[in-house]
Amino acid sequence: MMATMLVDVDHLLATPIYDPSRCSIGFHPLHELLPITLYVVFCLVPKLRYIGVGLVLHMILDGMDCQFTNGIWFV
């Protein structure tokens, strides 16, 4: 499940790479609604369950970060 942190590789596509006030949910390609839906589906497939749970938890934590830093859940 720790390998699911690799989903943050899409942050390298942004300019600037790090912006403390930017919400990653809805901004980065692997943090949009369609991929998040796919991550939830992964939770239902036994062979992909751990990956799905890791990715969903990652998105929940990113969403909480958006809420705490910007007061929004997603862009």
PDB file of N, CA and C in Angstrom:
ATOM      1  N   MET A   1       0.818  -1.188   0.000  1.00  0.00           N
ATOM      2  CA  MET A   1       0.000   0.000   0.000  1.00  0.00           C
ATOM      3  C   MET A   1       0.867   1.259   0.000  1.00  0.00           C
ATOM      4  N   MET A   2       2.065   1.175   0.532  1.00  0.00           N
ATOM      5  CA  MET A   2       2.930   2.356   0.514  1.00  0.00           C
ATOM      6  C   MET A   2       3.313   2.733  -0.911  1.00  0.00           C
ATOM      7  N   ALA A   3       3.332   1.771  -1.810  1.00  0.00           N
ATOM      8  CA  ALA A   3       3.682   2.058  -3.203  1.00  0.00           C
ATOM      9  C   ALA A   3       2.628   2.920  -3.886  1.00  0.00           C
ATOM     10  N   THR A   4       1.425   2.992  -3.319  1.00  0.00           N
ATOM     11  CA  THR A   4       0.386   3.830  -3.926  1.00  0.00           C
ATOM     12  C   THR A   4       0.722   5.309  -3.812  1.00  0.00           C
ATOM     13  N   MET A   5       1.734   5.652  -3.030  1.00  0.00           N
ATOM     14  CA  MET A   5       2.178   7.043  -2.953  1.00  0.00           C
ATOM     15  C   MET A   5       2.788   7.487  -4.285  1.00  0.00           C
ATOM     16  N   LEU A   6       3.125   6.522  -5.139  1.00  0.00           N
ATOM     17  CA  LEU A   6       3.676   6.856  -6.462  1.00  0.00           C
ATOM     18  C   LEU A   6       2.668   7.602  -7.331  1.00  0.00           C
ATOM     19  N   VAL A   7       1.400   7.601  -6.928  1.00  0.00           N
ATOM     20  CA  VAL A   7       0.387   8.341  -7.670  1.00  0.00           C
ATOM     21  C   VAL A   7       0.717   9.838  -7.679  1.00  0.00           C
ATOM     22  N   ASP A   8       1.560  10.272  -6.763  1.00  0.00           N
ATOM     23  CA  ASP A   8       1.948  11.680  -6.708  1.00  0.00           C
ATOM     24  C   ASP A   8       2.967  12.053  -7.770  1.00  0.00           C
ATOM     25  N   VAL A   9       3.364  11.110  -8.612  1.00  0.00           N
ATOM     26  CA  VAL A   9       4.296  11.429  -9.701  1.00  0.00           C
ATOM     27  C   VAL A   9       3.679  12.462 -10.649  1.00  0.00           C
ATOM     28  N   ASP A  10       2.354  12.542 -10.682  1.00  0.00           N
ATOM     29  CA  ASP A  10       1.710  13.521 -11.557  1.00  0.00           C
ATOM     30  C   ASP A  10       1.934  14.957 -11.072  1.00  0.00           C
ATOM     31  N   HIS A  11       2.413  15.140  -9.867  1.00  0.00           N
ATOM     32  CA  HIS A  11       2.733  16.480  -9.385  1.00  0.00           C
ATOM     33  C   HIS A  11       3.907  17.071 -10.162  1.00  0.00           C
ATOM     34  N   LEU A  12       4.720  16.219 -10.762  1.00  0.00           N
ATOM     35  CA  LEU A  12       5.867  16.696 -11.539  1.00  0.00           C
ATOM     36  C   LEU A  12       5.441  17.393 -12.832  1.00  0.00           C
ATOM     37  N   LEU A  13       4.190  17.193 -13.244  1.00  0.00           N
ATOM     38  CA  LEU A  13       3.682  17.826 -14.467  1.00  0.00           C
ATOM     39  C   LEU A  13       3.229  19.269 -14.233  1.00  0.00           C
ATOM     40  N   ALA A  14       3.076  19.652 -12.977  1.00  0.00           N
ATOM     41  CA  ALA A  14       2.559  20.982 -12.647  1.00  0.00           C
ATOM     42  C   ALA A  14       3.687  22.015 -12.607  1.00  0.00           C
ATOM     43  N   THR A  15       3.317  23.253 -12.869  1.00  0.00           N
ATOM     44  CA  THR A  15       4.258  24.359 -12.761  1.00  0.00           C
ATOM     45  C   THR A  15       3.662  25.392 -11.819  1.00  0.00           C
ATOM     46  N   PRO A  16       4.244  25.692 -10.710  1.00  0.00           N
ATOM     47  CA  PRO A  16       5.433  25.073 -10.128  1.00  0.00           C
ATOM     48  C   PRO A  16       5.097  23.680  -9.596  1.00  0.00           C
ATOM     49  N   ILE A  17       6.114  22.874  -9.418  1.00  0.00           N
ATOM     50  CA  ILE A  17       5.900  21.498  -8.947  1.00  0.00           C
ATOM     51  C   ILE A  17       5.224  21.506  -7.583  1.00  0.00           C
ATOM     52  N   TYR A  18       5.657  22.382  -6.704  1.00  0.00           N
ATOM     53  CA  TYR A  18       5.054  22.465  -5.371  1.00  0.00           C
ATOM     54  C   TYR A  18       4.443  23.842  -5.159  1.00  0.00           C
ATOM     55  N   ASP A  19       3.190  23.848  -4.797  1.00  0.00           N
ATOM     56  CA  ASP A  19       2.490  25.083  -4.448  1.00  0.00           C
ATOM     57  C   ASP A  19       1.675  24.782  -3.188  1.00  0.00           C
ATOM     58  N   PRO A  20       2.057  25.333  -2.054  1.00  0.00           N
ATOM     59  CA  PRO A  20       1.390  24.976  -0.807  1.00  0.00           C
ATOM     60  C   PRO A  20      -0.089  25.336  -0.758  1.00  0.00           C
ATOM     61  N   SER A  21      -0.536  26.259  -1.581  1.00  0.00           N
ATOM     62  CA  SER A  21      -1.943  26.655  -1.560  1.00  0.00           C
ATOM     63  C   SER A  21      -2.784  25.931  -2.607  1.00  0.00           C
ATOM     64  N   ARG A  22      -2.162  25.035  -3.400  1.00  0.00           N
ATOM     65  CA  ARG A  22      -2.895  24.336  -4.462  1.00  0.00           C
ATOM     66  C   ARG A  22      -3.491  23.039  -3.915  1.00  0.00           C
ATOM     67  N   CYS A  23      -4.731  22.794  -4.269  1.00  0.00           N
ATOM     68  CA  CYS A  23      -5.402  21.541  -3.917  1.00  0.00           C
ATOM     69  C   CYS A  23      -5.121  20.528  -5.024  1.00  0.00           C
ATOM     70  N   SER A  24      -4.560  19.387  -4.653  1.00  0.00           N
ATOM     71  CA  SER A  24      -4.209  18.395  -5.671  1.00  0.00           C
ATOM     72  C   SER A  24      -5.436  17.678  -6.229  1.00  0.00           C
ATOM     73  N   ILE A  25      -6.500  17.567  -5.435  1.00  0.00           N
ATOM     74  CA  ILE A  25      -7.710  16.896  -5.907  1.00  0.00           C
ATOM     75  C   ILE A  25      -8.354  17.762  -6.979  1.00  0.00           C
ATOM     76  N   GLY A  26      -8.512  17.204  -8.154  1.00  0.00           N
ATOM     77  CA  GLY A  26      -9.117  17.930  -9.259  1.00  0.00           C
ATOM     78  C   GLY A  26      -8.129  18.733 -10.082  1.00  0.00           C
ATOM     79  N   PHE A  27      -6.878  18.818  -9.634  1.00  0.00           N
ATOM     80  CA  PHE A  27      -5.879  19.585 -10.383  1.00  0.00           C
ATOM     81  C   PHE A  27      -4.924  18.665 -11.140  1.00  0.00           C
ATOM     82  N   HIS A  28      -4.406  17.677 -10.469  1.00  0.00           N
ATOM     83  CA  HIS A  28      -3.461  16.754 -11.091  1.00  0.00           C
ATOM     84  C   HIS A  28      -4.213  15.619 -11.776  1.00  0.00           C
ATOM     85  N   PRO A  29      -3.689  15.103 -12.904  1.00  0.00           N
ATOM     86  CA  PRO A  29      -4.415  14.092 -13.692  1.00  0.00           C
ATOM     87  C   PRO A  29      -4.819  12.837 -12.923  1.00  0.00           C
ATOM     88  N   LEU A  30      -3.978  12.338 -12.038  1.00  0.00           N
ATOM     89  CA  LEU A  30      -4.311  11.119 -11.294  1.00  0.00           C
ATOM     90  C   LEU A  30      -5.104  11.406 -10.023  1.00  0.00           C
ATOM     91  N   HIS A  31      -5.482  12.658  -9.824  1.00  0.00           N
ATOM     92  CA  HIS A  31      -6.257  13.070  -8.666  1.00  0.00           C
ATOM     93  C   HIS A  31      -7.616  13.636  -9.089  1.00  0.00           C
ATOM     94  N   GLU A  32      -8.093  13.273 -10.268  1.00  0.00           N
ATOM     95  CA  GLU A  32      -9.387  13.749 -10.760  1.00  0.00           C
ATOM     96  C   GLU A  32     -10.472  12.707 -10.499  1.00  0.00           C
ATOM     97  N   LEU A  33     -11.712  13.055 -10.810  1.00  0.00           N
ATOM     98  CA  LEU A  33     -12.858  12.212 -10.470  1.00  0.00           C
ATOM     99  C   LEU A  33     -12.827  10.847 -11.163  1.00  0.00           C
ATOM    100  N   LEU A  34     -12.491  10.800 -12.443  1.00  0.00           N
ATOM    101  CA  LEU A  34     -12.481   9.518 -13.155  1.00  0.00           C
ATOM    102  C   LEU A  34     -11.459   8.535 -12.564  1.00  0.00           C
ATOM    103  N   PRO A  35     -10.205   8.935 -12.367  1.00  0.00           N
ATOM    104  CA  PRO A  35      -9.275   7.993 -11.734  1.00  0.00           C
ATOM    105  C   PRO A  35      -9.679   7.613 -10.306  1.00  0.00           C
ATOM    106  N   ILE A  36     -10.241   8.550  -9.553  1.00  0.00           N
ATOM    107  CA  ILE A  36     -10.680   8.232  -8.191  1.00  0.00           C
ATOM    108  C   ILE A  36     -11.791   7.195  -8.226  1.00  0.00           C
ATOM    109  N   THR A  37     -12.689   7.300  -9.191  1.00  0.00           N
ATOM    110  CA  THR A  37     -13.733   6.286  -9.360  1.00  0.00           C
ATOM    111  C   THR A  37     -13.116   4.926  -9.662  1.00  0.00           C
ATOM    112  N   LEU A  38     -12.102   4.907 -10.493  1.00  0.00           N
ATOM    113  CA  LEU A  38     -11.396   3.659 -10.805  1.00  0.00           C
ATOM    114  C   LEU A  38     -10.734   3.078  -9.553  1.00  0.00           C
ATOM    115  N   TYR A  39     -10.193   3.939  -8.692  1.00  0.00           N
ATOM    116  CA  TYR A  39      -9.567   3.463  -7.453  1.00  0.00           C
ATOM    117  C   TYR A  39     -10.599   2.802  -6.545  1.00  0.00           C
ATOM    118  N   VAL A  40     -11.811   3.345  -6.518  1.00  0.00           N
ATOM    119  CA  VAL A  40     -12.885   2.743  -5.723  1.00  0.00           C
ATOM    120  C   VAL A  40     -13.252   1.376  -6.298  1.00  0.00           C
ATOM    121  N   VAL A  41     -13.297   1.258  -7.622  1.00  0.00           N
ATOM    122  CA  VAL A  41     -13.583  -0.032  -8.265  1.00  0.00           C
ATOM    123  C   VAL A  41     -12.488  -1.039  -7.932  1.00  0.00           C
ATOM    124  N   PHE A  42     -11.231  -0.584  -7.859  1.00  0.00           N
ATOM    125  CA  PHE A  42     -10.128  -1.467  -7.475  1.00  0.00           C
ATOM    126  C   PHE A  42     -10.396  -2.115  -6.116  1.00  0.00           C
ATOM    127  N   CYS A  43     -11.049  -1.404  -5.223  1.00  0.00           N
ATOM    128  CA  CYS A  43     -11.348  -1.941  -3.894  1.00  0.00           C
ATOM    129  C   CYS A  43     -12.284  -3.144  -3.964  1.00  0.00           C
ATOM    130  N   LEU A  44     -13.043  -3.260  -5.038  1.00  0.00           N
ATOM    131  CA  LEU A  44     -14.006  -4.350  -5.187  1.00  0.00           C
ATOM    132  C   LEU A  44     -13.407  -5.586  -5.852  1.00  0.00           C
ATOM    133  N   VAL A  45     -12.242  -5.456  -6.449  1.00  0.00           N
ATOM    134  CA  VAL A  45     -11.575  -6.563  -7.135  1.00  0.00           C
ATOM    135  C   VAL A  45     -10.564  -7.172  -6.163  1.00  0.00           C
ATOM    136  N   PRO A  46     -10.738  -8.453  -5.801  1.00  0.00           N
ATOM    137  CA  PRO A  46      -9.870  -9.051  -4.778  1.00  0.00           C
ATOM    138  C   PRO A  46      -8.370  -8.904  -5.033  1.00  0.00           C
ATOM    139  N   LYS A  47      -7.912  -9.058  -6.250  1.00  0.00           N
ATOM    140  CA  LYS A  47      -6.474  -8.970  -6.529  1.00  0.00           C
ATOM    141  C   LYS A  47      -5.951  -7.536  -6.492  1.00  0.00           C
ATOM    142  N   LEU A  48      -6.833  -6.561  -6.596  1.00  0.00           N
ATOM    143  CA  LEU A  48      -6.435  -5.156  -6.605  1.00  0.00           C
ATOM    144  C   LEU A  48      -6.854  -4.419  -5.336  1.00  0.00           C
ATOM    145  N   ARG A  49      -7.409  -5.158  -4.382  1.00  0.00           N
ATOM    146  CA  ARG A  49      -8.007  -4.529  -3.204  1.00  0.00           C
ATOM    147  C   ARG A  49      -7.021  -3.677  -2.416  1.00  0.00           C
ATOM    148  N   TYR A  50      -5.826  -4.176  -2.151  1.00  0.00           N
ATOM    149  CA  TYR A  50      -4.857  -3.406  -1.364  1.00  0.00           C
ATOM    150  C   TYR A  50      -4.428  -2.136  -2.096  1.00  0.00           C
ATOM    151  N   ILE A  51      -4.252  -2.237  -3.394  1.00  0.00           N
ATOM    152  CA  ILE A  51      -3.897  -1.055  -4.188  1.00  0.00           C
ATOM    153  C   ILE A  51      -5.043  -0.052  -4.145  1.00  0.00           C
ATOM    154  N   GLY A  52      -6.268  -0.535  -4.331  1.00  0.00           N
ATOM    155  CA  GLY A  52      -7.438   0.342  -4.301  1.00  0.00           C
ATOM    156  C   GLY A  52      -7.605   1.039  -2.966  1.00  0.00           C
ATOM    157  N   VAL A  53      -7.462   0.291  -1.878  1.00  0.00           N
ATOM    158  CA  VAL A  53      -7.602   0.887  -0.549  1.00  0.00           C
ATOM    159  C   VAL A  53      -6.517   1.936  -0.331  1.00  0.00           C
ATOM    160  N   GLY A  54      -5.290   1.630  -0.733  1.00  0.00           N
ATOM    161  CA  GLY A  54      -4.203   2.600  -0.586  1.00  0.00           C
ATOM    162  C   GLY A  54      -4.462   3.865  -1.368  1.00  0.00           C
ATOM    163  N   LEU A  55      -4.945   3.727  -2.604  1.00  0.00           N
ATOM    164  CA  LEU A  55      -5.214   4.906  -3.437  1.00  0.00           C
ATOM    165  C   LEU A  55      -6.393   5.719  -2.910  1.00  0.00           C
ATOM    166  N   VAL A  56      -7.435   5.040  -2.451  1.00  0.00           N
ATOM    167  CA  VAL A  56      -8.591   5.755  -1.903  1.00  0.00           C
ATOM    168  C   VAL A  56      -8.191   6.497  -0.625  1.00  0.00           C
ATOM    169  N   LEU A  57      -7.420   5.845   0.233  1.00  0.00           N
ATOM    170  CA  LEU A  57      -6.945   6.529   1.438  1.00  0.00           C
ATOM    171  C   LEU A  57      -6.076   7.741   1.088  1.00  0.00           C
ATOM    172  N   HIS A  58      -5.249   7.592   0.065  1.00  0.00           N
ATOM    173  CA  HIS A  58      -4.413   8.693  -0.398  1.00  0.00           C
ATOM    174  C   HIS A  58      -5.284   9.870  -0.834  1.00  0.00           C
ATOM    175  N   MET A  59      -6.339   9.591  -1.596  1.00  0.00           N
ATOM    176  CA  MET A  59      -7.220  10.661  -2.066  1.00  0.00           C
ATOM    177  C   MET A  59      -7.986  11.299  -0.906  1.00  0.00           C
ATOM    178  N   ILE A  60      -8.388  10.494   0.068  1.00  0.00           N
ATOM    179  CA  ILE A  60      -9.075  11.039   1.247  1.00  0.00           C
ATOM    180  C   ILE A  60      -8.137  11.981   2.004  1.00  0.00           C
ATOM    181  N   LEU A  61      -6.900  11.553   2.188  1.00  0.00           N
ATOM    182  CA  LEU A  61      -5.933  12.400   2.898  1.00  0.00           C
ATOM    183  C   LEU A  61      -5.633  13.679   2.115  1.00  0.00           C
ATOM    184  N   ASP A  62      -5.526  13.571   0.786  1.00  0.00           N
ATOM    185  CA  ASP A  62      -5.326  14.777  -0.028  1.00  0.00           C
ATOM    186  C   ASP A  62      -6.534  15.705   0.067  1.00  0.00           C
ATOM    187  N   GLY A  63      -7.727  15.134   0.093  1.00  0.00           N
ATOM    188  CA  GLY A  63      -8.940  15.936   0.237  1.00  0.00           C
ATOM    189  C   GLY A  63      -8.994  16.639   1.593  1.00  0.00           C
ATOM    190  N   MET A  64      -8.562  15.928   2.633  1.00  0.00           N
ATOM    191  CA  MET A  64      -8.512  16.543   3.966  1.00  0.00           C
ATOM    192  C   MET A  64      -7.486  17.674   3.991  1.00  0.00           C
ATOM    193  N   ASP A  65      -6.362  17.471   3.298  1.00  0.00           N
ATOM    194  CA  ASP A  65      -5.358  18.530   3.213  1.00  0.00           C
ATOM    195  C   ASP A  65      -5.938  19.765   2.527  1.00  0.00           C
ATOM    196  N   CYS A  66      -6.707  19.557   1.459  1.00  0.00           N
ATOM    197  CA  CYS A  66      -7.360  20.685   0.772  1.00  0.00           C
ATOM    198  C   CYS A  66      -8.308  21.412   1.718  1.00  0.00           C
ATOM    199  N   GLN A  67      -9.049  20.639   2.496  1.00  0.00           N
ATOM    200  CA  GLN A  67     -10.007  21.239   3.424  1.00  0.00           C
ATOM    201  C   GLN A  67      -9.302  22.049   4.500  1.00  0.00           C
ATOM    202  N   PHE A  68      -8.239  21.493   5.052  1.00  0.00           N
ATOM    203  CA  PHE A  68      -7.552  22.178   6.152  1.00  0.00           C
ATOM    204  C   PHE A  68      -6.747  23.388   5.682  1.00  0.00           C
ATOM    205  N   THR A  69      -6.155  23.319   4.493  1.00  0.00           N
ATOM    206  CA  THR A  69      -5.324  24.432   4.036  1.00  0.00           C
ATOM    207  C   THR A  69      -6.098  25.499   3.271  1.00  0.00           C
ATOM    208  N   ASN A  70      -7.124  25.096   2.517  1.00  0.00           N
ATOM    209  CA  ASN A  70      -7.844  26.046   1.661  1.00  0.00           C
ATOM    210  C   ASN A  70      -9.322  26.184   1.991  1.00  0.00           C
ATOM    211  N   GLY A  71      -9.844  25.298   2.804  1.00  0.00           N
ATOM    212  CA  GLY A  71     -11.272  25.354   3.139  1.00  0.00           C
ATOM    213  C   GLY A  71     -12.176  24.792   2.062  1.00  0.00           C
ATOM    214  N   ILE A  72     -11.600  24.018   1.117  1.00  0.00           N
ATOM    215  CA  ILE A  72     -12.397  23.382   0.066  1.00  0.00           C
ATOM    216  C   ILE A  72     -12.030  21.912   0.018  1.00  0.00           C
ATOM    217  N   TRP A  73     -12.942  21.065  -0.487  1.00  0.00           N
ATOM    218  CA  TRP A  73     -12.662  19.629  -0.592  1.00  0.00           C
ATOM    219  C   TRP A  73     -11.999  19.286  -1.901  1.00  0.00           C
ATOM    220  N   PHE A  74     -12.334  19.995  -2.970  1.00  0.00           N
ATOM    221  CA  PHE A  74     -11.715  19.752  -4.279  1.00  0.00           C
ATOM    222  C   PHE A  74     -11.900  20.994  -5.115  1.00  0.00           C
ATOM    223  N   VAL A  75     -11.131  21.047  -6.225  1.00  0.00           N
ATOM    224  CA  VAL A  75     -11.180  22.216  -7.107  1.00  0.00           C
ATOM    225  C   VAL A  75     -12.420  22.168  -7.966  1.00  0.00           C
TER     226      VAL A  75
END
